[in-house]
N, C-alpha and C. Protein backbone atom coordinates (compact mmCIF):
# COMPACT_ATOMS: atom_id res chain seq x y z
N MET A 1 117.37 120.36 72.81
CA MET A 1 117.69 119.05 73.27
C MET A 1 116.40 118.24 73.38
N GLU A 2 116.41 117.03 72.86
CA GLU A 2 115.22 116.20 72.84
C GLU A 2 115.42 115.00 73.76
N PHE A 3 114.39 114.69 74.54
CA PHE A 3 114.43 113.53 75.41
C PHE A 3 113.55 112.46 74.79
N ILE A 4 114.04 111.24 74.76
CA ILE A 4 113.31 110.13 74.17
C ILE A 4 112.43 109.49 75.24
N PHE A 5 111.14 109.39 74.94
CA PHE A 5 110.20 108.76 75.86
C PHE A 5 110.24 107.26 75.63
N ASP A 6 110.49 106.50 76.67
CA ASP A 6 110.61 105.05 76.58
C ASP A 6 109.28 104.41 77.00
N TRP A 7 108.52 103.93 76.00
CA TRP A 7 107.21 103.33 76.27
C TRP A 7 107.34 102.08 77.15
N LYS A 8 108.33 101.26 76.85
CA LYS A 8 108.53 100.00 77.59
C LYS A 8 108.84 100.29 79.06
N GLU A 9 109.74 101.24 79.29
CA GLU A 9 110.14 101.59 80.66
C GLU A 9 108.97 102.17 81.46
N ASN A 10 108.02 102.80 80.78
CA ASN A 10 106.91 103.48 81.44
C ASN A 10 105.59 102.72 81.33
N GLU A 11 105.65 101.45 80.98
CA GLU A 11 104.46 100.65 80.75
C GLU A 11 103.46 100.68 81.91
N LYS A 12 103.94 100.47 83.13
CA LYS A 12 103.05 100.45 84.29
C LYS A 12 102.43 101.83 84.54
N LYS A 13 103.24 102.87 84.41
CA LYS A 13 102.72 104.23 84.61
C LYS A 13 101.64 104.56 83.59
N ILE A 14 101.84 104.13 82.36
CA ILE A 14 100.86 104.37 81.29
C ILE A 14 99.56 103.63 81.62
N LYS A 15 99.70 102.39 82.02
CA LYS A 15 98.52 101.59 82.39
C LYS A 15 97.76 102.26 83.53
N ASP A 16 98.50 102.69 84.56
CA ASP A 16 97.87 103.36 85.70
C ASP A 16 97.18 104.66 85.29
N LEU A 17 97.80 105.41 84.38
CA LEU A 17 97.19 106.65 83.91
C LEU A 17 95.91 106.36 83.14
N LYS A 18 95.91 105.31 82.33
CA LYS A 18 94.70 104.94 81.58
C LYS A 18 93.58 104.54 82.54
N ILE A 19 93.92 103.86 83.61
CA ILE A 19 92.91 103.50 84.63
C ILE A 19 92.37 104.77 85.28
N PHE A 20 93.26 105.70 85.62
CA PHE A 20 92.85 106.97 86.22
C PHE A 20 91.90 107.72 85.28
N ILE A 21 92.23 107.74 83.99
CA ILE A 21 91.38 108.41 83.00
C ILE A 21 90.00 107.76 82.97
N GLU A 22 89.98 106.43 82.93
CA GLU A 22 88.70 105.71 82.87
C GLU A 22 87.85 105.99 84.10
N GLU A 23 88.48 106.01 85.28
CA GLU A 23 87.75 106.26 86.53
C GLU A 23 87.21 107.69 86.63
N ASN A 24 87.83 108.62 85.90
CA ASN A 24 87.46 110.04 86.01
C ASN A 24 86.80 110.60 84.76
N ARG A 25 86.67 109.78 83.73
CA ARG A 25 86.06 110.22 82.47
C ARG A 25 84.68 110.83 82.75
N GLY A 26 84.42 111.95 82.14
CA GLY A 26 83.10 112.57 82.28
C GLY A 26 82.97 113.52 83.46
N LYS A 27 83.94 113.52 84.36
CA LYS A 27 83.90 114.44 85.50
C LYS A 27 84.28 115.84 85.04
N LYS A 28 83.71 116.83 85.70
CA LYS A 28 84.03 118.23 85.38
C LYS A 28 85.51 118.49 85.69
N GLY A 29 86.21 119.16 84.78
CA GLY A 29 87.63 119.47 84.98
C GLY A 29 88.55 118.28 84.84
N VAL A 30 88.11 117.25 84.14
CA VAL A 30 88.88 116.02 84.04
C VAL A 30 90.27 116.25 83.43
N LEU A 31 90.37 117.15 82.47
CA LEU A 31 91.67 117.35 81.83
C LEU A 31 92.73 117.79 82.84
N MET A 32 92.41 118.75 83.68
CA MET A 32 93.38 119.20 84.69
C MET A 32 93.78 118.04 85.60
N SER A 33 92.81 117.27 86.05
CA SER A 33 93.10 116.13 86.94
C SER A 33 94.01 115.12 86.25
N VAL A 34 93.73 114.84 84.98
CA VAL A 34 94.52 113.86 84.23
C VAL A 34 95.95 114.38 84.02
N LEU A 35 96.07 115.65 83.66
CA LEU A 35 97.41 116.20 83.45
C LEU A 35 98.20 116.25 84.76
N GLN A 36 97.53 116.55 85.85
CA GLN A 36 98.21 116.55 87.15
C GLN A 36 98.68 115.14 87.51
N GLU A 37 97.85 114.16 87.25
CA GLU A 37 98.22 112.76 87.51
C GLU A 37 99.39 112.33 86.63
N ALA A 38 99.35 112.74 85.37
CA ALA A 38 100.44 112.40 84.44
C ALA A 38 101.75 113.07 84.88
N GLN A 39 101.65 114.33 85.26
CA GLN A 39 102.84 115.07 85.73
C GLN A 39 103.43 114.38 86.96
N LYS A 40 102.56 113.96 87.87
CA LYS A 40 103.01 113.28 89.08
C LYS A 40 103.69 111.94 88.73
N SER A 41 103.13 111.22 87.79
CA SER A 41 103.68 109.91 87.42
C SER A 41 104.99 109.98 86.64
N PHE A 42 105.04 110.88 85.64
CA PHE A 42 106.19 110.92 84.74
C PHE A 42 107.20 112.01 85.09
N GLY A 43 106.79 112.98 85.92
CA GLY A 43 107.67 114.08 86.28
C GLY A 43 107.62 115.22 85.28
N TYR A 44 106.96 115.00 84.16
CA TYR A 44 106.78 116.01 83.11
C TYR A 44 105.69 115.50 82.19
N LEU A 45 105.32 116.29 81.17
CA LEU A 45 104.26 115.89 80.24
C LEU A 45 104.84 115.70 78.83
N PRO A 46 105.42 114.53 78.58
CA PRO A 46 105.98 114.29 77.25
C PRO A 46 104.87 114.34 76.20
N ILE A 47 105.22 114.69 74.97
CA ILE A 47 104.24 114.81 73.90
C ILE A 47 103.52 113.48 73.67
N GLU A 48 104.21 112.38 73.87
CA GLU A 48 103.59 111.06 73.69
C GLU A 48 102.42 110.88 74.65
N ILE A 49 102.57 111.35 75.88
CA ILE A 49 101.50 111.24 76.88
C ILE A 49 100.40 112.24 76.56
N GLN A 50 100.76 113.42 76.10
CA GLN A 50 99.74 114.38 75.69
C GLN A 50 98.87 113.79 74.57
N LYS A 51 99.50 113.14 73.61
CA LYS A 51 98.75 112.51 72.51
C LYS A 51 97.84 111.40 73.02
N MET A 52 98.35 110.60 73.95
CA MET A 52 97.54 109.53 74.51
C MET A 52 96.33 110.10 75.24
N VAL A 53 96.54 111.15 76.04
CA VAL A 53 95.45 111.79 76.76
C VAL A 53 94.44 112.36 75.75
N SER A 54 94.93 112.94 74.69
CA SER A 54 94.06 113.49 73.65
C SER A 54 93.15 112.39 73.08
N GLU A 55 93.72 111.26 72.78
CA GLU A 55 92.95 110.14 72.23
C GLU A 55 91.97 109.58 73.26
N GLU A 56 92.44 109.39 74.48
CA GLU A 56 91.60 108.80 75.53
C GLU A 56 90.41 109.69 75.90
N LEU A 57 90.64 111.01 75.97
CA LEU A 57 89.58 111.94 76.37
C LEU A 57 88.85 112.56 75.18
N ARG A 58 89.34 112.26 73.97
CA ARG A 58 88.77 112.86 72.75
C ARG A 58 88.75 114.39 72.85
N ILE A 59 89.90 114.92 73.28
CA ILE A 59 90.11 116.37 73.37
C ILE A 59 91.24 116.68 72.39
N PRO A 60 91.11 117.74 71.60
CA PRO A 60 92.18 118.07 70.65
C PRO A 60 93.53 118.26 71.34
N LEU A 61 94.58 117.76 70.70
CA LEU A 61 95.94 117.89 71.24
C LEU A 61 96.28 119.36 71.48
N SER A 62 95.81 120.23 70.62
CA SER A 62 96.10 121.67 70.77
C SER A 62 95.55 122.21 72.09
N GLU A 63 94.40 121.70 72.53
CA GLU A 63 93.83 122.14 73.81
C GLU A 63 94.67 121.62 74.98
N ILE A 64 95.10 120.38 74.87
CA ILE A 64 95.93 119.79 75.92
C ILE A 64 97.25 120.54 76.02
N TYR A 65 97.86 120.80 74.88
CA TYR A 65 99.12 121.55 74.85
C TYR A 65 98.91 122.95 75.43
N GLY A 66 97.81 123.57 75.10
CA GLY A 66 97.49 124.91 75.61
C GLY A 66 97.41 124.93 77.12
N VAL A 67 96.75 123.95 77.70
CA VAL A 67 96.64 123.87 79.17
C VAL A 67 98.01 123.58 79.78
N ALA A 68 98.74 122.63 79.16
CA ALA A 68 100.05 122.22 79.70
C ALA A 68 101.06 123.36 79.68
N THR A 69 100.94 124.26 78.71
CA THR A 69 101.90 125.36 78.63
C THR A 69 101.41 126.62 79.35
N PHE A 70 100.13 126.68 79.65
CA PHE A 70 99.59 127.86 80.34
C PHE A 70 99.90 127.82 81.83
N TYR A 71 99.73 126.67 82.45
CA TYR A 71 99.90 126.55 83.89
C TYR A 71 101.34 126.19 84.25
N SER A 72 101.91 126.97 85.18
CA SER A 72 103.31 126.78 85.53
C SER A 72 103.58 125.48 86.30
N GLN A 73 102.54 124.84 86.80
CA GLN A 73 102.74 123.57 87.50
C GLN A 73 103.15 122.44 86.56
N PHE A 74 102.92 122.64 85.26
CA PHE A 74 103.27 121.62 84.28
C PHE A 74 104.57 121.96 83.57
N THR A 75 105.29 120.92 83.20
CA THR A 75 106.52 121.11 82.43
C THR A 75 106.55 120.10 81.29
N LEU A 76 107.10 120.50 80.17
CA LEU A 76 107.18 119.64 79.00
C LEU A 76 108.53 118.95 78.88
N ILE A 77 109.44 119.29 79.77
CA ILE A 77 110.75 118.62 79.76
C ILE A 77 110.99 118.00 81.14
N PRO A 78 111.68 116.87 81.17
CA PRO A 78 111.94 116.24 82.47
C PRO A 78 112.86 117.11 83.31
N LYS A 79 112.67 117.08 84.60
CA LYS A 79 113.54 117.79 85.53
C LYS A 79 114.69 116.88 85.91
N GLY A 80 115.81 117.50 86.23
CA GLY A 80 116.99 116.75 86.61
C GLY A 80 116.88 116.17 88.01
N GLU A 81 117.72 115.20 88.26
CA GLU A 81 117.83 114.59 89.59
C GLU A 81 118.17 115.66 90.63
N ASN A 82 118.99 116.62 90.23
CA ASN A 82 119.37 117.74 91.08
C ASN A 82 118.76 119.02 90.52
N LYS A 83 117.82 119.56 91.26
CA LYS A 83 117.13 120.78 90.82
C LYS A 83 117.83 121.99 91.42
N ILE A 84 118.36 122.83 90.53
CA ILE A 84 119.12 124.00 90.97
C ILE A 84 118.24 125.24 90.83
N GLY A 85 118.15 125.99 91.91
CA GLY A 85 117.46 127.28 91.88
C GLY A 85 118.46 128.37 92.23
N VAL A 86 118.65 129.29 91.32
CA VAL A 86 119.54 130.43 91.59
C VAL A 86 118.65 131.61 91.92
N CYS A 87 118.81 132.16 93.11
CA CYS A 87 117.97 133.27 93.54
C CYS A 87 118.34 134.54 92.78
N LEU A 88 117.32 135.16 92.20
CA LEU A 88 117.51 136.44 91.52
C LEU A 88 116.69 137.53 92.20
N GLY A 89 116.33 137.28 93.46
CA GLY A 89 115.64 138.31 94.25
C GLY A 89 116.55 139.50 94.44
N THR A 90 116.01 140.58 94.95
CA THR A 90 116.74 141.84 95.04
C THR A 90 118.08 141.72 95.77
N ALA A 91 118.08 141.16 96.97
CA ALA A 91 119.33 141.07 97.74
C ALA A 91 120.38 140.25 97.00
N CYS A 92 119.98 139.13 96.43
CA CYS A 92 120.93 138.29 95.70
C CYS A 92 121.39 138.96 94.42
N TYR A 93 120.44 139.60 93.74
CA TYR A 93 120.77 140.23 92.47
C TYR A 93 121.83 141.32 92.64
N VAL A 94 121.65 142.17 93.66
CA VAL A 94 122.61 143.27 93.83
C VAL A 94 123.97 142.76 94.32
N LYS A 95 124.00 141.53 94.83
CA LYS A 95 125.27 140.97 95.30
C LYS A 95 125.89 139.99 94.29
N GLY A 96 125.38 140.02 93.04
CA GLY A 96 126.06 139.26 91.99
C GLY A 96 125.44 137.94 91.57
N ALA A 97 124.16 137.74 91.80
CA ALA A 97 123.51 136.48 91.45
C ALA A 97 123.60 136.17 89.95
N GLN A 98 123.61 137.19 89.11
CA GLN A 98 123.71 136.97 87.66
C GLN A 98 125.00 136.24 87.31
N GLU A 99 126.09 136.59 88.00
CA GLU A 99 127.37 135.91 87.74
C GLU A 99 127.32 134.45 88.19
N ILE A 100 126.62 134.21 89.31
CA ILE A 100 126.46 132.83 89.80
C ILE A 100 125.68 132.02 88.76
N LEU A 101 124.57 132.59 88.31
CA LEU A 101 123.74 131.90 87.32
C LEU A 101 124.53 131.65 86.03
N ALA A 102 125.25 132.62 85.56
CA ALA A 102 126.04 132.47 84.33
C ALA A 102 127.07 131.34 84.49
N LYS A 103 127.68 131.25 85.65
CA LYS A 103 128.68 130.20 85.89
C LYS A 103 128.02 128.82 85.93
N VAL A 104 126.86 128.71 86.57
CA VAL A 104 126.13 127.44 86.61
C VAL A 104 125.79 127.01 85.18
N GLU A 105 125.27 127.93 84.39
CA GLU A 105 124.91 127.62 83.01
C GLU A 105 126.13 127.18 82.21
N LYS A 106 127.23 127.86 82.39
CA LYS A 106 128.46 127.52 81.66
C LYS A 106 128.97 126.14 82.08
N GLU A 107 129.00 125.88 83.37
CA GLU A 107 129.50 124.59 83.88
C GLU A 107 128.66 123.41 83.38
N LEU A 108 127.34 123.61 83.30
CA LEU A 108 126.45 122.51 82.93
C LEU A 108 126.13 122.47 81.44
N GLY A 109 126.42 123.56 80.74
CA GLY A 109 126.14 123.60 79.31
C GLY A 109 124.67 123.71 78.97
N ILE A 110 123.88 124.22 79.90
CA ILE A 110 122.44 124.42 79.68
C ILE A 110 122.07 125.79 80.22
N THR A 111 120.86 126.23 79.88
CA THR A 111 120.38 127.51 80.37
C THR A 111 119.15 127.30 81.25
N VAL A 112 118.68 128.38 81.84
CA VAL A 112 117.50 128.33 82.72
C VAL A 112 116.36 127.62 82.00
N GLY A 113 115.71 126.71 82.72
CA GLY A 113 114.58 125.97 82.18
C GLY A 113 114.96 124.69 81.49
N GLN A 114 116.26 124.41 81.38
CA GLN A 114 116.71 123.21 80.69
C GLN A 114 117.22 122.16 81.67
N THR A 115 117.38 120.96 81.14
CA THR A 115 117.89 119.81 81.89
C THR A 115 119.07 119.24 81.12
N THR A 116 120.11 118.83 81.85
CA THR A 116 121.26 118.23 81.18
C THR A 116 120.84 116.92 80.51
N PRO A 117 121.51 116.55 79.41
CA PRO A 117 121.14 115.33 78.69
C PRO A 117 121.13 114.07 79.56
N ASP A 118 121.98 114.03 80.58
CA ASP A 118 122.02 112.87 81.47
C ASP A 118 120.96 112.95 82.58
N ARG A 119 120.14 113.99 82.53
CA ARG A 119 119.06 114.25 83.51
C ARG A 119 119.58 114.37 84.94
N LYS A 120 120.82 114.78 85.06
CA LYS A 120 121.42 114.93 86.39
C LYS A 120 121.07 116.29 86.99
N PHE A 121 120.97 117.35 86.17
CA PHE A 121 120.72 118.71 86.66
C PHE A 121 119.68 119.42 85.81
N SER A 122 118.89 120.25 86.47
CA SER A 122 118.05 121.23 85.77
C SER A 122 118.19 122.55 86.52
N ILE A 123 118.03 123.65 85.79
CA ILE A 123 118.23 124.98 86.37
C ILE A 123 116.95 125.80 86.29
N ASN A 124 116.65 126.48 87.39
CA ASN A 124 115.56 127.46 87.42
C ASN A 124 116.08 128.74 88.05
N ALA A 125 115.62 129.85 87.50
CA ALA A 125 115.87 131.14 88.15
C ALA A 125 114.69 131.34 89.09
N THR A 126 114.97 131.66 90.33
CA THR A 126 113.89 131.82 91.30
C THR A 126 113.86 133.25 91.81
N ARG A 127 112.84 133.57 92.50
CA ARG A 127 112.79 134.84 93.22
C ARG A 127 113.35 134.55 94.60
N CYS A 128 112.90 135.15 95.61
CA CYS A 128 113.49 135.02 96.94
C CYS A 128 113.43 133.59 97.48
N LEU A 129 114.56 133.13 97.99
CA LEU A 129 114.63 131.82 98.64
C LEU A 129 114.56 131.95 100.16
N GLY A 130 114.41 133.18 100.64
CA GLY A 130 114.28 133.41 102.08
C GLY A 130 115.59 133.36 102.83
N ALA A 131 116.70 133.54 102.14
CA ALA A 131 118.01 133.52 102.78
C ALA A 131 118.77 134.79 102.41
N CYS A 132 118.11 135.91 102.46
CA CYS A 132 118.68 137.18 102.01
C CYS A 132 119.97 137.54 102.73
N GLY A 133 120.09 137.14 103.99
CA GLY A 133 121.30 137.43 104.75
C GLY A 133 122.52 136.68 104.24
N LEU A 134 122.29 135.66 103.41
CA LEU A 134 123.38 134.86 102.84
C LEU A 134 123.63 135.19 101.37
N ALA A 135 123.02 136.26 100.87
CA ALA A 135 123.08 136.59 99.45
C ALA A 135 124.52 136.72 98.93
N PRO A 136 124.74 136.27 97.70
CA PRO A 136 123.82 135.57 96.81
C PRO A 136 123.78 134.07 97.13
N VAL A 137 122.61 133.46 96.87
CA VAL A 137 122.43 132.05 97.20
C VAL A 137 121.95 131.25 95.99
N LEU A 138 122.22 129.97 96.06
CA LEU A 138 121.61 129.02 95.15
C LEU A 138 121.19 127.82 95.98
N MET A 139 120.20 127.12 95.48
CA MET A 139 119.70 125.96 96.19
C MET A 139 119.77 124.77 95.25
N ILE A 140 120.30 123.67 95.74
CA ILE A 140 120.28 122.42 94.99
C ILE A 140 119.46 121.46 95.83
N ASN A 141 118.33 121.06 95.25
CA ASN A 141 117.33 120.27 95.96
C ASN A 141 116.93 121.04 97.21
N ASP A 142 117.22 120.55 98.40
CA ASP A 142 116.83 121.27 99.62
C ASP A 142 118.02 121.91 100.33
N HIS A 143 119.16 121.95 99.69
CA HIS A 143 120.37 122.47 100.34
C HIS A 143 120.68 123.87 99.81
N ILE A 144 120.80 124.83 100.72
CA ILE A 144 121.09 126.21 100.33
C ILE A 144 122.59 126.49 100.50
N TYR A 145 123.17 127.09 99.48
CA TYR A 145 124.56 127.53 99.51
C TYR A 145 124.55 129.05 99.44
N GLY A 146 125.22 129.70 100.40
CA GLY A 146 125.18 131.15 100.45
C GLY A 146 126.53 131.82 100.45
N ARG A 147 126.45 133.17 100.36
CA ARG A 147 127.64 134.04 100.29
C ARG A 147 128.58 133.56 99.18
N LEU A 148 128.00 133.32 98.02
CA LEU A 148 128.73 132.71 96.91
C LEU A 148 129.46 133.71 96.04
N THR A 149 130.48 133.20 95.40
CA THR A 149 131.11 133.89 94.27
C THR A 149 131.06 132.88 93.13
N ALA A 150 131.28 133.36 91.93
CA ALA A 150 131.28 132.47 90.76
C ALA A 150 132.32 131.36 90.91
N ASP A 151 133.40 131.65 91.62
CA ASP A 151 134.45 130.64 91.84
C ASP A 151 133.99 129.46 92.68
N ASP A 152 132.91 129.61 93.44
CA ASP A 152 132.39 128.53 94.30
C ASP A 152 131.56 127.51 93.53
N VAL A 153 131.07 127.89 92.37
CA VAL A 153 130.06 127.09 91.67
C VAL A 153 130.56 125.70 91.27
N GLU A 154 131.74 125.61 90.67
CA GLU A 154 132.23 124.32 90.19
C GLU A 154 132.33 123.30 91.33
N GLU A 155 132.87 123.70 92.46
CA GLU A 155 133.01 122.80 93.60
C GLU A 155 131.64 122.34 94.11
N ILE A 156 130.68 123.25 94.17
CA ILE A 156 129.34 122.90 94.63
C ILE A 156 128.70 121.90 93.68
N LEU A 157 128.80 122.13 92.38
CA LEU A 157 128.22 121.21 91.41
C LEU A 157 128.88 119.84 91.50
N ASN A 158 130.19 119.82 91.70
CA ASN A 158 130.91 118.54 91.80
C ASN A 158 130.42 117.69 92.95
N LYS A 159 129.93 118.31 94.02
CA LYS A 159 129.38 117.55 95.15
C LYS A 159 128.13 116.77 94.75
N HIS A 160 127.48 117.21 93.68
CA HIS A 160 126.21 116.60 93.26
C HIS A 160 126.33 115.78 91.98
N ARG A 161 127.52 115.67 91.45
CA ARG A 161 127.72 114.90 90.21
C ARG A 161 127.78 113.43 90.49
C-alpha cells in the first residue's frame, strides 16, 4: 500500500524543517537530529522528505535510508489515528493473543506494521503491556481492553471507527 505525500498540504512543515536543517548544519550528529525533527513533524519519514534531507545535507539517500530503517524510533509509513497494540507477551500469548491479533488483522484488512488506507488504524504487535492479569489484552491509543476473545474485536474496533 502506497501513501501519497502531499507537498502543498505539508508546505509549512517542509519550510520549518529546512529552517531546522539550516540552523543545525555542520553540527555533529546532524542527520539523527534532522530525522527526529522530520519524524516529529510528519509522523513518519516519507521518501520525499528523505530525498529533501539528502539534498539539503549533501548526504547520500542510501545513508539516510539506512539510518531511518536501522533505528526503531523511525517509521517509513504513516501511523493511523488509532494505534493498536496487541500484546504478545507470555501471559497474553498463552491465553490466545494470536487469535485476537488475527481477528484485528482480518477486520482491518492489514497486518502488523501496516496502516489502513484511510489512516484510521495501524497495528503493532507488542510485548508486555503491564496488564497480565487481564490477559489477553489489546490497547488502542491509551485504552486497554482485557480478558478478550476474538469475538470482542469487531465491537471494540467499531468504537474507534
